[in-house]
Amino acid sequence: MKIEKELNLYCKFCRKHTNQTVKPYNKKPQSGLSLGTRRHNRAIKGYVGSVEPKIHPKKLGKRQKVMLQCAVCKKISEKVIGRRTKKKIEIKH
């Protein structure tokens, strides 16, 4: 899936169409203080043993997300491009 480096899209902060630069979405490191992490650590603490994960069906692809930065107000918003796909997003230079 190929996308232009600059797109003319609606900015929800400026409330009008502006040129926006496209950057790929990068996952941030997981927080150690989130509720799920604390619950998991509490469950495996002591002599209880491991916690078995729930088995989920395997999904065929991921929804591709990009970060859009407005040229006017410099605010960043995220947008999901397309449907589920195995192909990664390529940004044209």
C-alpha atoms as a PDB file:
ATOM      1  CA  MET A   1       0.000   0.000   0.000  1.00  0.00           C
ATOM      2  CA  LYS A   2       1.688   3.209  -1.173  1.00  0.00           C
ATOM      3  CA  ILE A   3       0.765   6.640   0.187  1.00  0.00           C
ATOM      4  CA  GLU A   4       1.948  10.135  -0.768  1.00  0.00           C
ATOM      5  CA  LYS A   5       4.224  11.984   1.672  1.00  0.00           C
ATOM      6  CA  GLU A   6       1.818  14.965   1.836  1.00  0.00           C
ATOM      7  CA  LEU A   7      -1.966  14.744   1.699  1.00  0.00           C
ATOM      8  CA  ASN A   8      -4.652  17.431   1.694  1.00  0.00           C
ATOM      9  CA  LEU A   9      -6.949  16.247   4.511  1.00  0.00           C
ATOM     10  CA  TYR A  10      -9.322  17.705   7.099  1.00  0.00           C
ATOM     11  CA  CYS A  11      -7.656  18.888  10.318  1.00  0.00           C
ATOM     12  CA  LYS A  12      -9.983  18.591  13.312  1.00  0.00           C
ATOM     13  CA  PHE A  13      -8.024  21.249  15.228  1.00  0.00           C
ATOM     14  CA  CYS A  14      -8.060  23.911  12.461  1.00  0.00           C
ATOM     15  CA  ARG A  15     -11.533  22.760  11.269  1.00  0.00           C
ATOM     16  CA  LYS A  16     -10.541  23.010   7.610  1.00  0.00           C
ATOM     17  CA  HIS A  17      -8.611  21.101   4.935  1.00  0.00           C
ATOM     18  CA  THR A  18      -4.832  21.569   5.187  1.00  0.00           C
ATOM     19  CA  ASN A  19      -1.702  19.882   3.868  1.00  0.00           C
ATOM     20  CA  GLN A  20      -0.620  17.129   6.249  1.00  0.00           C
ATOM     21  CA  THR A  21       2.645  15.203   6.300  1.00  0.00           C
ATOM     22  CA  VAL A  22       2.330  11.437   6.682  1.00  0.00           C
ATOM     23  CA  LYS A  23       4.528   9.448   9.077  1.00  0.00           C
ATOM     24  CA  PRO A  24       4.284   5.729   9.877  1.00  0.00           C
ATOM     25  CA  TYR A  25       2.800   4.796  13.260  1.00  0.00           C
ATOM     26  CA  ASN A  26       5.340   3.382  15.735  1.00  0.00           C
ATOM     27  CA  LYS A  27       4.177   1.436  18.764  1.00  0.00           C
ATOM     28  CA  LYS A  28       5.297   2.931  22.055  1.00  0.00           C
ATOM     29  CA  PRO A  29       6.813   0.813  24.859  1.00  0.00           C
ATOM     30  CA  GLN A  30       4.246  -0.736  27.172  1.00  0.00           C
ATOM     31  CA  SER A  31       3.722   0.946  30.532  1.00  0.00           C
ATOM     32  CA  GLY A  32       4.638  -1.093  33.590  1.00  0.00           C
ATOM     33  CA  LEU A  33       1.945   0.577  35.681  1.00  0.00           C
ATOM     34  CA  SER A  34      -1.033  -0.306  33.459  1.00  0.00           C
ATOM     35  CA  LEU A  35      -3.848  -2.335  34.988  1.00  0.00           C
ATOM     36  CA  GLY A  36      -3.281  -5.445  32.871  1.00  0.00           C
ATOM     37  CA  THR A  37       0.427  -5.586  33.717  1.00  0.00           C
ATOM     38  CA  ARG A  38      -0.233  -5.159  37.444  1.00  0.00           C
ATOM     39  CA  ARG A  39      -2.949  -7.828  37.369  1.00  0.00           C
ATOM     40  CA  HIS A  40      -0.651 -10.268  35.531  1.00  0.00           C
ATOM     41  CA  ASN A  41       2.241  -9.628  37.929  1.00  0.00           C
ATOM     42  CA  ARG A  42      -0.070 -10.187  40.918  1.00  0.00           C
ATOM     43  CA  ALA A  43      -1.282 -13.475  39.434  1.00  0.00           C
ATOM     44  CA  ILE A  44       2.194 -14.924  38.779  1.00  0.00           C
ATOM     45  CA  LYS A  45       3.598 -13.759  42.121  1.00  0.00           C
ATOM     46  CA  GLY A  46       4.438 -16.448  44.703  1.00  0.00           C
ATOM     47  CA  TYR A  47       4.010 -20.209  44.210  1.00  0.00           C
ATOM     48  CA  VAL A  48       0.929 -20.098  41.998  1.00  0.00           C
ATOM     49  CA  GLY A  49       2.765 -20.666  38.712  1.00  0.00           C
ATOM     50  CA  SER A  50       2.094 -19.316  35.253  1.00  0.00           C
ATOM     51  CA  VAL A  51      -1.135 -17.764  34.048  1.00  0.00           C
ATOM     52  CA  GLU A  52      -2.511 -19.369  30.900  1.00  0.00           C
ATOM     53  CA  PRO A  53      -3.459 -16.873  28.186  1.00  0.00           C
ATOM     54  CA  LYS A  54      -6.823 -16.902  26.433  1.00  0.00           C
ATOM     55  CA  ILE A  55      -6.640 -18.389  22.942  1.00  0.00           C
ATOM     56  CA  HIS A  56      -7.898 -15.910  20.343  1.00  0.00           C
ATOM     57  CA  PRO A  57      -8.513 -16.673  16.663  1.00  0.00           C
ATOM     58  CA  LYS A  58      -5.671 -15.606  14.407  1.00  0.00           C
ATOM     59  CA  LYS A  59      -6.435 -12.503  12.363  1.00  0.00           C
ATOM     60  CA  LEU A  60      -5.432 -12.370   8.713  1.00  0.00           C
ATOM     61  CA  GLY A  61      -3.966  -8.871   8.687  1.00  0.00           C
ATOM     62  CA  LYS A  62      -3.684  -5.609  10.567  1.00  0.00           C
ATOM     63  CA  ARG A  63      -5.309  -2.266   9.936  1.00  0.00           C
ATOM     64  CA  GLN A  64      -2.603   0.155   8.858  1.00  0.00           C
ATOM     65  CA  LYS A  65      -2.359   3.337  10.927  1.00  0.00           C
ATOM     66  CA  VAL A  66      -0.507   6.548  10.015  1.00  0.00           C
ATOM     67  CA  MET A  67       0.266   9.734  11.908  1.00  0.00           C
ATOM     68  CA  LEU A  68      -0.743  12.996  10.214  1.00  0.00           C
ATOM     69  CA  GLN A  69       0.916  16.307  11.148  1.00  0.00           C
ATOM     70  CA  CYS A  70      -0.862  19.501  10.128  1.00  0.00           C
ATOM     71  CA  ALA A  71       1.300  22.081   8.332  1.00  0.00           C
ATOM     72  CA  VAL A  72      -0.604  25.016   9.917  1.00  0.00           C
ATOM     73  CA  CYS A  73      -1.041  24.126  13.607  1.00  0.00           C
ATOM     74  CA  LYS A  74       1.624  21.332  13.801  1.00  0.00           C
ATOM     75  CA  LYS A  75      -0.766  19.072  15.760  1.00  0.00           C
ATOM     76  CA  ILE A  76      -0.581  15.315  15.178  1.00  0.00           C
ATOM     77  CA  SER A  77      -3.604  13.095  14.630  1.00  0.00           C
ATOM     78  CA  GLU A  78      -3.807   9.431  13.674  1.00  0.00           C
ATOM     79  CA  LYS A  79      -5.803   7.801  10.919  1.00  0.00           C
ATOM     80  CA  VAL A  80      -6.454   4.208   9.908  1.00  0.00           C
ATOM     81  CA  ILE A  81      -5.929   3.735   6.179  1.00  0.00           C
ATOM     82  CA  GLY A  82      -7.962   1.073   4.398  1.00  0.00           C
ATOM     83  CA  ARG A  83      -9.150  -2.284   5.704  1.00  0.00           C
ATOM     84  CA  ARG A  84      -7.258  -5.263   7.075  1.00  0.00           C
ATOM     85  CA  THR A  85      -4.206  -5.966   4.966  1.00  0.00           C
ATOM     86  CA  LYS A  86      -0.970  -7.913   5.239  1.00  0.00           C
ATOM     87  CA  LYS A  87       0.899  -5.268   3.253  1.00  0.00           C
ATOM     88  CA  LYS A  88       2.782  -2.550   5.122  1.00  0.00           C
ATOM     89  CA  ILE A  89       2.381   1.115   4.308  1.00  0.00           C
ATOM     90  CA  GLU A  90       5.076   2.630   2.092  1.00  0.00           C
ATOM     91  CA  ILE A  91       5.443   6.410   1.966  1.00  0.00           C
ATOM     92  CA  LYS A  92       6.452   7.799  -1.458  1.00  0.00           C
ATOM     93  CA  HIS A  93       9.342  10.263  -1.379  1.00  0.00           C
END
